[in-house]
Amino acid sequence: MERQRISSGSPFEQIAGYSRAVRVGDRIVVAGTAPIWPDDEVDPSVEAQTRRCLEIIGTALAEAGSGCADVVRTRLLMVDAEDFPTIARVHGEVFGDVRPACTGIVVAGLLDPRWRIEIEAEAVAS
């Protein structure tokens, strides 16, 4: 089966040997997605960070010929459990009718201390 690799343009993709997303057949897996803007800035708001992660995921899915309506699983990695209500609200705005399986995980930290959330997604293209 053919493997389609989707790049976000991050220099770390080459260094670490990964892709923003990979599509094999109808399955699309999106790597952990951090809330980074093109200028390498990170908004301190967890709401803005969640929206940015989901925007990047949506762009990767579109490049793979899919969209948020095809998402079947998400993983929310957050550094503070108190952020969950805000993260959940934004997740619900994007996936409310889709209702993918979703796991929320509180972690000790993410790669950049400015990040409060990182999101993974999996989709099955329709």
PDB file of N, CA and C in Angstrom:
ATOM      1  N   MET A   1       0.837  -1.171   0.000  1.00  0.00           N
ATOM      2  CA  MET A   1       0.000   0.000   0.000  1.00  0.00           C
ATOM      3  C   MET A   1       0.889   1.244   0.000  1.00  0.00           C
ATOM      4  N   GLU A   2       0.489   2.241  -0.736  1.00  0.00           N
ATOM      5  CA  GLU A   2       1.265   3.473  -0.836  1.00  0.00           C
ATOM      6  C   GLU A   2       1.181   4.281   0.460  1.00  0.00           C
ATOM      7  N   ARG A   3       2.302   4.888   0.812  1.00  0.00           N
ATOM      8  CA  ARG A   3       2.379   5.732   2.009  1.00  0.00           C
ATOM      9  C   ARG A   3       2.526   7.182   1.560  1.00  0.00           C
ATOM     10  N   GLN A   4       1.592   8.034   1.983  1.00  0.00           N
ATOM     11  CA  GLN A   4       1.657   9.466   1.690  1.00  0.00           C
ATOM     12  C   GLN A   4       2.113  10.188   2.955  1.00  0.00           C
ATOM     13  N   ARG A   5       3.198  10.924   2.841  1.00  0.00           N
ATOM     14  CA  ARG A   5       3.715  11.690   3.974  1.00  0.00           C
ATOM     15  C   ARG A   5       3.326  13.154   3.816  1.00  0.00           C
ATOM     16  N   ILE A   6       2.814  13.728   4.885  1.00  0.00           N
ATOM     17  CA  ILE A   6       2.426  15.138   4.893  1.00  0.00           C
ATOM     18  C   ILE A   6       3.406  15.864   5.805  1.00  0.00           C
ATOM     19  N   SER A   7       3.990  16.933   5.294  1.00  0.00           N
ATOM     20  CA  SER A   7       4.961  17.714   6.071  1.00  0.00           C
ATOM     21  C   SER A   7       4.352  19.041   6.491  1.00  0.00           C
ATOM     22  N   SER A   8       4.743  19.503   7.675  1.00  0.00           N
ATOM     23  CA  SER A   8       4.334  20.843   8.109  1.00  0.00           C
ATOM     24  C   SER A   8       5.433  21.852   7.823  1.00  0.00           C
ATOM     25  N   GLY A   9       6.598  21.350   7.379  1.00  0.00           N
ATOM     26  CA  GLY A   9       7.725  22.235   7.116  1.00  0.00           C
ATOM     27  C   GLY A   9       8.648  22.429   8.311  1.00  0.00           C
ATOM     28  N   SER A  10       8.346  21.767   9.412  1.00  0.00           N
ATOM     29  CA  SER A  10       9.191  21.882  10.602  1.00  0.00           C
ATOM     30  C   SER A  10      10.575  21.307  10.312  1.00  0.00           C
ATOM     31  N   PRO A  11      11.634  22.007  10.723  1.00  0.00           N
ATOM     32  CA  PRO A  11      12.981  21.455  10.515  1.00  0.00           C
ATOM     33  C   PRO A  11      13.207  20.171  11.314  1.00  0.00           C
ATOM     34  N   PHE A  12      12.421  19.957  12.359  1.00  0.00           N
ATOM     35  CA  PHE A  12      12.584  18.761  13.184  1.00  0.00           C
ATOM     36  C   PHE A  12      12.100  17.493  12.484  1.00  0.00           C
ATOM     37  N   GLU A  13      11.276  17.637  11.436  1.00  0.00           N
ATOM     38  CA  GLU A  13      10.815  16.453  10.721  1.00  0.00           C
ATOM     39  C   GLU A  13      11.991  15.682  10.126  1.00  0.00           C
ATOM     40  N   GLN A  14      12.936  16.379   9.502  1.00  0.00           N
ATOM     41  CA  GLN A  14      14.121  15.729   8.936  1.00  0.00           C
ATOM     42  C   GLN A  14      15.039  15.211  10.042  1.00  0.00           C
ATOM     43  N   ILE A  15      15.263  16.032  11.069  1.00  0.00           N
ATOM     44  CA  ILE A  15      16.175  15.658  12.149  1.00  0.00           C
ATOM     45  C   ILE A  15      15.681  14.414  12.878  1.00  0.00           C
ATOM     46  N   ALA A  16      14.409  14.410  13.238  1.00  0.00           N
ATOM     47  CA  ALA A  16      13.853  13.309  14.025  1.00  0.00           C
ATOM     48  C   ALA A  16      13.278  12.181  13.170  1.00  0.00           C
ATOM     49  N   GLY A  17      13.174  12.414  11.857  1.00  0.00           N
ATOM     50  CA  GLY A  17      12.670  11.377  10.965  1.00  0.00           C
ATOM     51  C   GLY A  17      11.191  11.093  11.143  1.00  0.00           C
ATOM     52  N   TYR A  18      10.379  12.152  11.170  1.00  0.00           N
ATOM     53  CA  TYR A  18       8.934  11.953  11.294  1.00  0.00           C
ATOM     54  C   TYR A  18       8.202  12.843  10.313  1.00  0.00           C
ATOM     55  N   SER A  19       6.902  12.627  10.191  1.00  0.00           N
ATOM     56  CA  SER A  19       6.024  13.431   9.341  1.00  0.00           C
ATOM     57  C   SER A  19       4.917  14.015  10.201  1.00  0.00           C
ATOM     58  N   ARG A  20       4.380  15.159   9.803  1.00  0.00           N
ATOM     59  CA  ARG A  20       3.233  15.738  10.504  1.00  0.00           C
ATOM     60  C   ARG A  20       2.095  14.735  10.492  1.00  0.00           C
ATOM     61  N   ALA A  21       1.892  14.097   9.324  1.00  0.00           N
ATOM     62  CA  ALA A  21       0.847  13.078   9.192  1.00  0.00           C
ATOM     63  C   ALA A  21       1.287  12.063   8.155  1.00  0.00           C
ATOM     64  N   VAL A  22       0.707  10.878   8.255  1.00  0.00           N
ATOM     65  CA  VAL A  22       0.960   9.814   7.291  1.00  0.00           C
ATOM     66  C   VAL A  22      -0.386   9.201   6.925  1.00  0.00           C
ATOM     67  N   ARG A  23      -0.582   9.027   5.614  1.00  0.00           N
ATOM     68  CA  ARG A  23      -1.791   8.342   5.138  1.00  0.00           C
ATOM     69  C   ARG A  23      -1.378   7.048   4.465  1.00  0.00           C
ATOM     70  N   VAL A  24      -2.008   5.950   4.899  1.00  0.00           N
ATOM     71  CA  VAL A  24      -1.841   4.650   4.280  1.00  0.00           C
ATOM     72  C   VAL A  24      -3.248   4.120   4.045  1.00  0.00           C
ATOM     73  N   GLY A  25      -3.595   3.950   2.788  1.00  0.00           N
ATOM     74  CA  GLY A  25      -4.968   3.556   2.459  1.00  0.00           C
ATOM     75  C   GLY A  25      -5.920   4.642   2.915  1.00  0.00           C
ATOM     76  N   ASP A  26      -6.946   4.268   3.672  1.00  0.00           N
ATOM     77  CA  ASP A  26      -7.909   5.263   4.141  1.00  0.00           C
ATOM     78  C   ASP A  26      -7.581   5.762   5.549  1.00  0.00           C
ATOM     79  N   ARG A  27      -6.482   5.281   6.123  1.00  0.00           N
ATOM     80  CA  ARG A  27      -6.113   5.655   7.498  1.00  0.00           C
ATOM     81  C   ARG A  27      -5.103   6.801   7.488  1.00  0.00           C
ATOM     82  N   ILE A  28      -5.373   7.815   8.303  1.00  0.00           N
ATOM     83  CA  ILE A  28      -4.490   8.975   8.435  1.00  0.00           C
ATOM     84  C   ILE A  28      -4.162   9.151   9.910  1.00  0.00           C
ATOM     85  N   VAL A  29      -2.878   9.224  10.203  1.00  0.00           N
ATOM     86  CA  VAL A  29      -2.419   9.411  11.574  1.00  0.00           C
ATOM     87  C   VAL A  29      -1.658  10.723  11.624  1.00  0.00           C
ATOM     88  N   VAL A  30      -2.085  11.613  12.532  1.00  0.00           N
ATOM     89  CA  VAL A  30      -1.446  12.919  12.684  1.00  0.00           C
ATOM     90  C   VAL A  30      -0.620  12.896  13.967  1.00  0.00           C
ATOM     91  N   ALA A  31       0.653  13.248  13.833  1.00  0.00           N
ATOM     92  CA  ALA A  31       1.579  13.248  14.967  1.00  0.00           C
ATOM     93  C   ALA A  31       1.151  14.272  16.013  1.00  0.00           C
ATOM     94  N   GLY A  32       1.731  14.137  17.199  1.00  0.00           N
ATOM     95  CA  GLY A  32       1.505  15.129  18.244  1.00  0.00           C
ATOM     96  C   GLY A  32       1.745  16.522  17.680  1.00  0.00           C
ATOM     97  N   THR A  33       0.754  17.381  17.841  1.00  0.00           N
ATOM     98  CA  THR A  33       0.757  18.691  17.204  1.00  0.00           C
ATOM     99  C   THR A  33       0.794  19.777  18.258  1.00  0.00           C
ATOM    100  N   ALA A  34       1.829  20.587  18.187  1.00  0.00           N
ATOM    101  CA  ALA A  34       2.044  21.653  19.167  1.00  0.00           C
ATOM    102  C   ALA A  34       1.474  22.983  18.659  1.00  0.00           C
ATOM    103  N   PRO A  35       1.222  23.915  19.566  1.00  0.00           N
ATOM    104  CA  PRO A  35       0.566  25.185  19.222  1.00  0.00           C
ATOM    105  C   PRO A  35       1.532  26.275  18.760  1.00  0.00           C
ATOM    106  N   ILE A  36       2.279  25.988  17.706  1.00  0.00           N
ATOM    107  CA  ILE A  36       3.287  26.932  17.223  1.00  0.00           C
ATOM    108  C   ILE A  36       2.755  27.670  16.004  1.00  0.00           C
ATOM    109  N   TRP A  37       2.940  28.980  15.981  1.00  0.00           N
ATOM    110  CA  TRP A  37       2.589  29.791  14.822  1.00  0.00           C
ATOM    111  C   TRP A  37       3.779  29.835  13.873  1.00  0.00           C
ATOM    112  N   PRO A  38       3.581  30.217  12.616  1.00  0.00           N
ATOM    113  CA  PRO A  38       4.681  30.228  11.637  1.00  0.00           C
ATOM    114  C   PRO A  38       5.906  31.048  12.071  1.00  0.00           C
ATOM    115  N   ASP A  39       5.712  32.058  12.893  1.00  0.00           N
ATOM    116  CA  ASP A  39       6.840  32.876  13.354  1.00  0.00           C
ATOM    117  C   ASP A  39       7.487  32.303  14.612  1.00  0.00           C
ATOM    118  N   ASP A  40       7.148  31.057  14.972  1.00  0.00           N
ATOM    119  CA  ASP A  40       7.658  30.342  16.137  1.00  0.00           C
ATOM    120  C   ASP A  40       7.123  30.885  17.457  1.00  0.00           C
ATOM    121  N   GLU A  41       6.115  31.737  17.394  1.00  0.00           N
ATOM    122  CA  GLU A  41       5.498  32.257  18.613  1.00  0.00           C
ATOM    123  C   GLU A  41       4.495  31.236  19.146  1.00  0.00           C
ATOM    124  N   VAL A  42       4.201  31.354  20.432  1.00  0.00           N
ATOM    125  CA  VAL A  42       3.210  30.509  21.094  1.00  0.00           C
ATOM    126  C   VAL A  42       2.348  31.424  21.962  1.00  0.00           C
ATOM    127  N   ASP A  43       1.059  31.463  21.692  1.00  0.00           N
ATOM    128  CA  ASP A  43       0.132  32.268  22.487  1.00  0.00           C
ATOM    129  C   ASP A  43       0.020  31.638  23.870  1.00  0.00           C
ATOM    130  N   PRO A  44       0.076  32.407  24.944  1.00  0.00           N
ATOM    131  CA  PRO A  44      -0.006  31.812  26.286  1.00  0.00           C
ATOM    132  C   PRO A  44      -1.389  31.258  26.646  1.00  0.00           C
ATOM    133  N   SER A  45      -2.428  31.635  25.926  1.00  0.00           N
ATOM    134  CA  SER A  45      -3.790  31.187  26.219  1.00  0.00           C
ATOM    135  C   SER A  45      -3.984  29.728  25.816  1.00  0.00           C
ATOM    136  N   VAL A  46      -4.467  28.895  26.748  1.00  0.00           N
ATOM    137  CA  VAL A  46      -4.708  27.494  26.415  1.00  0.00           C
ATOM    138  C   VAL A  46      -5.812  27.375  25.365  1.00  0.00           C
ATOM    139  N   GLU A  47      -6.767  28.296  25.362  1.00  0.00           N
ATOM    140  CA  GLU A  47      -7.798  28.262  24.318  1.00  0.00           C
ATOM    141  C   GLU A  47      -7.173  28.502  22.949  1.00  0.00           C
ATOM    142  N   ALA A  48      -6.341  29.533  22.842  1.00  0.00           N
ATOM    143  CA  ALA A  48      -5.673  29.832  21.568  1.00  0.00           C
ATOM    144  C   ALA A  48      -4.756  28.679  21.158  1.00  0.00           C
ATOM    145  N   GLN A  49      -4.067  28.089  22.126  1.00  0.00           N
ATOM    146  CA  GLN A  49      -3.181  26.971  21.817  1.00  0.00           C
ATOM    147  C   GLN A  49      -3.969  25.771  21.288  1.00  0.00           C
ATOM    148  N   THR A  50      -5.090  25.484  21.902  1.00  0.00           N
ATOM    149  CA  THR A  50      -5.920  24.362  21.447  1.00  0.00           C
ATOM    150  C   THR A  50      -6.432  24.615  20.040  1.00  0.00           C
ATOM    151  N   ARG A  51      -6.909  25.817  19.787  1.00  0.00           N
ATOM    152  CA  ARG A  51      -7.385  26.170  18.438  1.00  0.00           C
ATOM    153  C   ARG A  51      -6.259  26.028  17.415  1.00  0.00           C
ATOM    154  N   ARG A  52      -5.050  26.477  17.775  1.00  0.00           N
ATOM    155  CA  ARG A  52      -3.923  26.398  16.851  1.00  0.00           C
ATOM    156  C   ARG A  52      -3.570  24.934  16.551  1.00  0.00           C
ATOM    157  N   CYS A  53      -3.514  24.094  17.570  1.00  0.00           N
ATOM    158  CA  CYS A  53      -3.241  22.668  17.341  1.00  0.00           C
ATOM    159  C   CYS A  53      -4.267  22.070  16.379  1.00  0.00           C
ATOM    160  N   LEU A  54      -5.533  22.359  16.608  1.00  0.00           N
ATOM    161  CA  LEU A  54      -6.592  21.795  15.770  1.00  0.00           C
ATOM    162  C   LEU A  54      -6.561  22.369  14.358  1.00  0.00           C
ATOM    163  N   GLU A  55      -6.136  23.623  14.222  1.00  0.00           N
ATOM    164  CA  GLU A  55      -5.977  24.225  12.892  1.00  0.00           C
ATOM    165  C   GLU A  55      -4.881  23.496  12.110  1.00  0.00           C
ATOM    166  N   ILE A  56      -3.755  23.236  12.752  1.00  0.00           N
ATOM    167  CA  ILE A  56      -2.649  22.524  12.099  1.00  0.00           C
ATOM    168  C   ILE A  56      -3.086  21.115  11.720  1.00  0.00           C
ATOM    169  N   ILE A  57      -3.793  20.446  12.617  1.00  0.00           N
ATOM    170  CA  ILE A  57      -4.304  19.101  12.335  1.00  0.00           C
ATOM    171  C   ILE A  57      -5.259  19.137  11.146  1.00  0.00           C
ATOM    172  N   GLY A  58      -6.167  20.107  11.121  1.00  0.00           N
ATOM    173  CA  GLY A  58      -7.111  20.237  10.013  1.00  0.00           C
ATOM    174  C   GLY A  58      -6.405  20.446   8.681  1.00  0.00           C
ATOM    175  N   THR A  59      -5.342  21.233   8.684  1.00  0.00           N
ATOM    176  CA  THR A  59      -4.568  21.476   7.460  1.00  0.00           C
ATOM    177  C   THR A  59      -3.898  20.186   6.986  1.00  0.00           C
ATOM    178  N   ALA A  60      -3.318  19.431   7.908  1.00  0.00           N
ATOM    179  CA  ALA A  60      -2.677  18.163   7.549  1.00  0.00           C
ATOM    180  C   ALA A  60      -3.700  17.181   6.995  1.00  0.00           C
ATOM    181  N   LEU A  61      -4.864  17.102   7.641  1.00  0.00           N
ATOM    182  CA  LEU A  61      -5.914  16.203   7.155  1.00  0.00           C
ATOM    183  C   LEU A  61      -6.366  16.603   5.753  1.00  0.00           C
ATOM    184  N   ALA A  62      -6.519  17.899   5.518  1.00  0.00           N
ATOM    185  CA  ALA A  62      -6.937  18.373   4.195  1.00  0.00           C
ATOM    186  C   ALA A  62      -5.905  17.985   3.137  1.00  0.00           C
ATOM    187  N   GLU A  63      -4.628  18.141   3.468  1.00  0.00           N
ATOM    188  CA  GLU A  63      -3.583  17.768   2.520  1.00  0.00           C
ATOM    189  C   GLU A  63      -3.607  16.272   2.227  1.00  0.00           C
ATOM    190  N   ALA A  64      -4.079  15.486   3.183  1.00  0.00           N
ATOM    191  CA  ALA A  64      -4.196  14.035   2.999  1.00  0.00           C
ATOM    192  C   ALA A  64      -5.516  13.654   2.338  1.00  0.00           C
ATOM    193  N   GLY A  65      -6.316  14.647   1.949  1.00  0.00           N
ATOM    194  CA  GLY A  65      -7.583  14.373   1.284  1.00  0.00           C
ATOM    195  C   GLY A  65      -8.707  14.027   2.234  1.00  0.00           C
ATOM    196  N   SER A  66      -8.643  14.542   3.440  1.00  0.00           N
ATOM    197  CA  SER A  66      -9.611  14.209   4.480  1.00  0.00           C
ATOM    198  C   SER A  66     -10.036  15.491   5.187  1.00  0.00           C
ATOM    199  N   GLY A  67     -10.603  15.347   6.375  1.00  0.00           N
ATOM    200  CA  GLY A  67     -11.004  16.505   7.156  1.00  0.00           C
ATOM    201  C   GLY A  67     -11.381  16.098   8.562  1.00  0.00           C
ATOM    202  N   CYS A  68     -11.728  17.070   9.368  1.00  0.00           N
ATOM    203  CA  CYS A  68     -12.063  16.811  10.772  1.00  0.00           C
ATOM    204  C   CYS A  68     -13.261  15.879  10.919  1.00  0.00           C
ATOM    205  N   ALA A  69     -14.155  15.859   9.946  1.00  0.00           N
ATOM    206  CA  ALA A  69     -15.326  14.976  10.014  1.00  0.00           C
ATOM    207  C   ALA A  69     -14.938  13.501   9.958  1.00  0.00           C
ATOM    208  N   ASP A  70     -13.714  13.201   9.510  1.00  0.00           N
ATOM    209  CA  ASP A  70     -13.253  11.821   9.398  1.00  0.00           C
ATOM    210  C   ASP A  70     -12.447  11.362  10.619  1.00  0.00           C
ATOM    211  N   VAL A  71     -12.253  12.237  11.602  1.00  0.00           N
ATOM    212  CA  VAL A  71     -11.441  11.891  12.771  1.00  0.00           C
ATOM    213  C   VAL A  71     -12.172  10.878  13.635  1.00  0.00           C
ATOM    214  N   VAL A  72     -11.448   9.817  14.013  1.00  0.00           N
ATOM    215  CA  VAL A  72     -12.028   8.764  14.844  1.00  0.00           C
ATOM    216  C   VAL A  72     -11.398   8.709  16.238  1.00  0.00           C
ATOM    217  N   ARG A  73     -10.238   9.370  16.415  1.00  0.00           N
ATOM    218  CA  ARG A  73      -9.571   9.345  17.722  1.00  0.00           C
ATOM    219  C   ARG A  73      -8.722  10.599  17.888  1.00  0.00           C
ATOM    220  N   THR A  74      -8.756  11.152  19.102  1.00  0.00           N
ATOM    221  CA  THR A  74      -7.847  12.236  19.464  1.00  0.00           C
ATOM    222  C   THR A  74      -7.222  11.920  20.813  1.00  0.00           C
ATOM    223  N   ARG A  75      -6.034  12.460  21.011  1.00  0.00           N
ATOM    224  CA  ARG A  75      -5.359  12.380  22.308  1.00  0.00           C
ATOM    225  C   ARG A  75      -4.949  13.793  22.691  1.00  0.00           C
ATOM    226  N   LEU A  76      -5.324  14.199  23.879  1.00  0.00           N
ATOM    227  CA  LEU A  76      -5.048  15.538  24.383  1.00  0.00           C
ATOM    228  C   LEU A  76      -3.991  15.416  25.474  1.00  0.00           C
ATOM    229  N   LEU A  77      -2.808  15.902  25.217  1.00  0.00           N
ATOM    230  CA  LEU A  77      -1.739  15.869  26.205  1.00  0.00           C
ATOM    231  C   LEU A  77      -1.622  17.271  26.790  1.00  0.00           C
ATOM    232  N   MET A  78      -1.936  17.413  28.061  1.00  0.00           N
ATOM    233  CA  MET A  78      -1.956  18.732  28.694  1.00  0.00           C
ATOM    234  C   MET A  78      -1.077  18.729  29.931  1.00  0.00           C
ATOM    235  N   VAL A  79      -0.532  19.887  30.258  1.00  0.00           N
ATOM    236  CA  VAL A  79       0.350  19.973  31.423  1.00  0.00           C
ATOM    237  C   VAL A  79      -0.391  20.344  32.699  1.00  0.00           C
ATOM    238  N   ASP A  80      -1.652  20.761  32.590  1.00  0.00           N
ATOM    239  CA  ASP A  80      -2.413  21.163  33.770  1.00  0.00           C
ATOM    240  C   ASP A  80      -3.860  20.684  33.624  1.00  0.00           C
ATOM    241  N   ALA A  81      -4.282  19.815  34.510  1.00  0.00           N
ATOM    242  CA  ALA A  81      -5.650  19.282  34.458  1.00  0.00           C
ATOM    243  C   ALA A  81      -6.702  20.384  34.539  1.00  0.00           C
ATOM    244  N   GLU A  82      -6.372  21.496  35.153  1.00  0.00           N
ATOM    245  CA  GLU A  82      -7.328  22.598  35.263  1.00  0.00           C
ATOM    246  C   GLU A  82      -7.625  23.237  33.901  1.00  0.00           C
ATOM    247  N   ASP A  83      -6.780  22.978  32.903  1.00  0.00           N
ATOM    248  CA  ASP A  83      -7.023  23.486  31.550  1.00  0.00           C
ATOM    249  C   ASP A  83      -8.057  22.650  30.801  1.00  0.00           C
ATOM    250  N   PHE A  84      -8.386  21.467  31.320  1.00  0.00           N
ATOM    251  CA  PHE A  84      -9.241  20.554  30.571  1.00  0.00           C
ATOM    252  C   PHE A  84     -10.596  21.150  30.180  1.00  0.00           C
ATOM    253  N   PRO A  85     -11.319  21.862  31.051  1.00  0.00           N
ATOM    254  CA  PRO A  85     -12.609  22.396  30.617  1.00  0.00           C
ATOM    255  C   PRO A  85     -12.500  23.294  29.373  1.00  0.00           C
ATOM    256  N   THR A  86     -11.475  24.109  29.306  1.00  0.00           N
ATOM    257  CA  THR A  86     -11.288  24.979  28.132  1.00  0.00           C
ATOM    258  C   THR A  86     -10.915  24.151  26.915  1.00  0.00           C
ATOM    259  N   ILE A  87      -9.974  23.235  27.087  1.00  0.00           N
ATOM    260  CA  ILE A  87      -9.562  22.364  25.986  1.00  0.00           C
ATOM    261  C   ILE A  87     -10.753  21.561  25.481  1.00  0.00           C
ATOM    262  N   ALA A  88     -11.534  21.004  26.394  1.00  0.00           N
ATOM    263  CA  ALA A  88     -12.699  20.194  26.022  1.00  0.00           C
ATOM    264  C   ALA A  88     -13.726  21.019  25.252  1.00  0.00           C
ATOM    265  N   ARG A  89     -13.940  22.262  25.676  1.00  0.00           N
ATOM    266  CA  ARG A  89     -14.913  23.119  24.987  1.00  0.00           C
ATOM    267  C   ARG A  89     -14.492  23.357  23.541  1.00  0.00           C
ATOM    268  N   VAL A  90     -13.219  23.683  23.322  1.00  0.00           N
ATOM    269  CA  VAL A  90     -12.734  23.941  21.966  1.00  0.00           C
ATOM    270  C   VAL A  90     -12.773  22.647  21.148  1.00  0.00           C
ATOM    271  N   HIS A  91     -12.359  21.538  21.753  1.00  0.00           N
ATOM    272  CA  HIS A  91     -12.429  20.239  21.075  1.00  0.00           C
ATOM    273  C   HIS A  91     -13.873  19.960  20.662  1.00  0.00           C
ATOM    274  N   GLY A  92     -14.814  20.240  21.552  1.00  0.00           N
ATOM    275  CA  GLY A  92     -16.226  20.024  21.251  1.00  0.00           C
ATOM    276  C   GLY A  92     -16.746  20.910  20.134  1.00  0.00           C
ATOM    277  N   GLU A  93     -16.234  22.134  20.032  1.00  0.00           N
ATOM    278  CA  GLU A  93     -16.635  23.020  18.930  1.00  0.00           C
ATOM    279  C   GLU A  93     -16.224  22.435  17.588  1.00  0.00           C
ATOM    280  N   VAL A  94     -15.071  21.788  17.538  1.00  0.00           N
ATOM    281  CA  VAL A  94     -14.562  21.222  16.288  1.00  0.00           C
ATOM    282  C   VAL A  94     -15.159  19.842  16.013  1.00  0.00           C
ATOM    283  N   PHE A  95     -15.283  19.018  17.055  1.00  0.00           N
ATOM    284  CA  PHE A  95     -15.662  17.614  16.870  1.00  0.00           C
ATOM    285  C   PHE A  95     -17.001  17.234  17.484  1.00  0.00           C
ATOM    286  N   GLY A  96     -17.821  18.203  17.887  1.00  0.00           N
ATOM    287  CA  GLY A  96     -19.064  17.909  18.575  1.00  0.00           C
ATOM    288  C   GLY A  96     -19.973  16.929  17.870  1.00  0.00           C
ATOM    289  N   ASP A  97     -20.141  17.075  16.558  1.00  0.00           N
ATOM    290  CA  ASP A  97     -21.004  16.164  15.810  1.00  0.00           C
ATOM    291  C   ASP A  97     -20.283  14.892  15.399  1.00  0.00           C
ATOM    292  N   VAL A  98     -18.954  14.940  15.374  1.00  0.00           N
ATOM    293  CA  VAL A  98     -18.142  13.802  14.962  1.00  0.00           C
ATOM    294  C   VAL A  98     -17.979  12.821  16.120  1.00  0.00           C
ATOM    295  N   ARG A  99     -17.704  13.371  17.289  1.00  0.00           N
ATOM    296  CA  ARG A  99     -17.550  12.634  18.545  1.00  0.00           C
ATOM    297  C   ARG A  99     -16.544  11.486  18.450  1.00  0.00           C
ATOM    298  N   PRO A 100     -15.288  11.803  18.108  1.00  0.00           N
ATOM    299  CA  PRO A 100     -14.271  10.747  18.068  1.00  0.00           C
ATOM    300  C   PRO A 100     -13.969  10.231  19.469  1.00  0.00           C
ATOM    301  N   ALA A 101     -13.380   9.039  19.534  1.00  0.00           N
ATOM    302  CA  ALA A 101     -12.842   8.561  20.803  1.00  0.00           C
ATOM    303  C   ALA A 101     -11.763   9.550  21.214  1.00  0.00           C
ATOM    304  N   CYS A 102     -11.737   9.928  22.492  1.00  0.00           N
ATOM    305  CA  CYS A 102     -10.818  10.971  22.933  1.00  0.00           C
ATOM    306  C   CYS A 102     -10.235  10.591  24.293  1.00  0.00           C
ATOM    307  N   THR A 103      -8.931  10.777  24.418  1.00  0.00           N
ATOM    308  CA  THR A 103      -8.247  10.516  25.676  1.00  0.00           C
ATOM    309  C   THR A 103      -7.549  11.788  26.119  1.00  0.00           C
ATOM    310  N   GLY A 104      -7.753  12.179  27.363  1.00  0.00           N
ATOM    311  CA  GLY A 104      -7.057  13.320  27.948  1.00  0.00           C
ATOM    312  C   GLY A 104      -5.989  12.812  28.898  1.00  0.00           C
ATOM    313  N   ILE A 105      -4.782  13.281  28.714  1.00  0.00           N
ATOM    314  CA  ILE A 105      -3.654  12.814  29.523  1.00  0.00           C
ATOM    315  C   ILE A 105      -2.937  14.028  30.102  1.00  0.00           C
ATOM    316  N   VAL A 106      -2.723  14.025  31.410  1.00  0.00           N
ATOM    317  CA  VAL A 106      -1.934  15.082  32.045  1.00  0.00           C
ATOM    318  C   VAL A 106      -0.490  14.581  32.095  1.00  0.00           C
ATOM    319  N   VAL A 107       0.408  15.380  31.547  1.00  0.00           N
ATOM    320  CA  VAL A 107       1.819  15.011  31.477  1.00  0.00           C
ATOM    321  C   VAL A 107       2.652  15.962  32.332  1.00  0.00           C
ATOM    322  N   ALA A 108       3.840  15.528  32.707  1.00  0.00           N
ATOM    323  CA  ALA A 108       4.733  16.352  33.531  1.00  0.00           C
ATOM    324  C   ALA A 108       5.243  17.563  32.759  1.00  0.00           C
ATOM    325  N   GLY A 109       5.323  17.459  31.456  1.00  0.00           N
ATOM    326  CA  GLY A 109       5.792  18.575  30.643  1.00  0.00           C
ATOM    327  C   GLY A 109       5.797  18.183  29.183  1.00  0.00           C
ATOM    328  N   LEU A 110       5.872  19.195  28.324  1.00  0.00           N
ATOM    329  CA  LEU A 110       5.984  18.997  26.884  1.00  0.00           C
ATOM    330  C   LEU A 110       7.343  19.547  26.447  1.00  0.00           C
ATOM    331  N   LEU A 111       7.715  19.355  25.203  1.00  0.00           N
ATOM    332  CA  LEU A 111       9.057  19.727  24.750  1.00  0.00           C
ATOM    333  C   LEU A 111       9.400  21.204  24.934  1.00  0.00           C
ATOM    334  N   ASP A 112       8.430  22.061  24.813  1.00  0.00           N
ATOM    335  CA  ASP A 112       8.646  23.504  24.974  1.00  0.00           C
ATOM    336  C   ASP A 112       7.822  23.947  26.185  1.00  0.00           C
ATOM    337  N   PRO A 113       8.418  24.597  27.154  1.00  0.00           N
ATOM    338  CA  PRO A 113       7.668  24.975  28.357  1.00  0.00           C
ATOM    339  C   PRO A 113       6.529  25.965  28.087  1.00  0.00           C
ATOM    340  N   ARG A 114       6.490  26.590  26.911  1.00  0.00           N
ATOM    341  CA  ARG A 114       5.391  27.490  26.566  1.00  0.00           C
ATOM    342  C   ARG A 114       4.132  26.728  26.190  1.00  0.00           C
ATOM    343  N   TRP A 115       4.278  25.467  25.782  1.00  0.00           N
ATOM    344  CA  TRP A 115       3.140  24.663  25.337  1.00  0.00           C
ATOM    345  C   TRP A 115       2.355  24.162  26.539  1.00  0.00           C
ATOM    346  N   ARG A 116       1.040  24.360  26.484  1.00  0.00           N
ATOM    347  CA  ARG A 116       0.155  23.826  27.525  1.00  0.00           C
ATOM    348  C   ARG A 116      -0.639  22.628  27.020  1.00  0.00           C
ATOM    349  N   ILE A 117      -0.615  22.416  25.701  1.00  0.00           N
ATOM    350  CA  ILE A 117      -1.394  21.347  25.077  1.00  0.00           C
ATOM    351  C   ILE A 117      -0.656  20.862  23.832  1.00  0.00           C
ATOM    352  N   GLU A 118      -0.772  19.592  23.574  1.00  0.00           N
ATOM    353  CA  GLU A 118      -0.326  18.973  22.324  1.00  0.00           C
ATOM    354  C   GLU A 118      -1.403  17.955  21.980  1.00  0.00           C
ATOM    355  N   ILE A 119      -1.763  17.849  20.702  1.00  0.00           N
ATOM    356  CA  ILE A 119      -2.886  16.998  20.304  1.00  0.00           C
ATOM    357  C   ILE A 119      -2.473  16.055  19.177  1.00  0.00           C
ATOM    358  N   GLU A 120      -2.868  14.790  19.296  1.00  0.00           N
ATOM    359  CA  GLU A 120      -2.714  13.796  18.234  1.00  0.00           C
ATOM    360  C   GLU A 120      -4.102  13.488  17.677  1.00  0.00           C
ATOM    361  N   ALA A 121      -4.152  13.050  16.423  1.00  0.00           N
ATOM    362  CA  ALA A 121      -5.437  12.680  15.828  1.00  0.00           C
ATOM    363  C   ALA A 121      -5.251  11.527  14.852  1.00  0.00           C
ATOM    364  N   GLU A 122      -6.305  10.737  14.721  1.00  0.00           N
ATOM    365  CA  GLU A 122      -6.346   9.662  13.734  1.00  0.00           C
ATOM    366  C   GLU A 122      -7.672   9.777  12.993  1.00  0.00           C
ATOM    367  N   ALA A 123      -7.611   9.542  11.693  1.00  0.00           N
ATOM    368  CA  ALA A 123      -8.821   9.648  10.873  1.00  0.00           C
ATOM    369  C   ALA A 123      -8.904   8.460   9.921  1.00  0.00           C
ATOM    370  N   VAL A 124     -10.115   8.170   9.506  1.00  0.00           N
ATOM    371  CA  VAL A 124     -10.369   7.200   8.451  1.00  0.00           C
ATOM    372  C   VAL A 124     -11.116   7.964   7.371  1.00  0.00           C
ATOM    373  N   ALA A 125     -10.451   8.143   6.237  1.00  0.00           N
ATOM    374  CA  ALA A 125     -11.022   8.954   5.154  1.00  0.00           C
ATOM    375  C   ALA A 125     -12.278   8.307   4.603  1.00  0.00           C
ATOM    376  N   SER A 126     -13.263   9.141   4.348  1.00  0.00           N
ATOM    377  CA  SER A 126     -14.524   8.601   3.817  1.00  0.00           C
ATOM    378  C   SER A 126     -14.509   8.596   2.304  1.00  0.00           C
TER     379      SER A 126
END
